[in-house]
């Protein structure tokens, strides 16, 4: 995860065993690493060995951005700001317009490691998880 430091530089702490964490567990790890990064308390092994980065340009109220891979990692997911937006809702009874919270996700990946179909499936799965998230799920 990319973390902005007080001096304007970035550091990329690594969440170890992220695949074993729930969304809530990931959020806790992100908050812990970011806080310790900003006060210069990370250990050397907490900034090495990453395979995938998440960066949040939404924290600066940006809708979208173009994240760049932190080599030798395989990919980076950029998250924009969550914003209420009018959207068309399709139902069997017809279309309607509703206000929904929308986020733009940007995925950059190394085509030597990941092909476009796999990247598209990944983004679709992230979308499903976010749309069905419940804080009650550990």
Foldseek 3Di string as FASTA:
>chain_A
DWEQEPVRDIAFFADPPVVPDDPVRVVVVVVVVNVCVRVVNDDPVRRDDDAEEEEEPQVVVAQDDADDDPPPHFKYKYKHHWDWDWDWDQDPVGIDIDTDTDMDMHMDGDCVVDPPVRVVVVVVVVVVCVVPDDPVPD
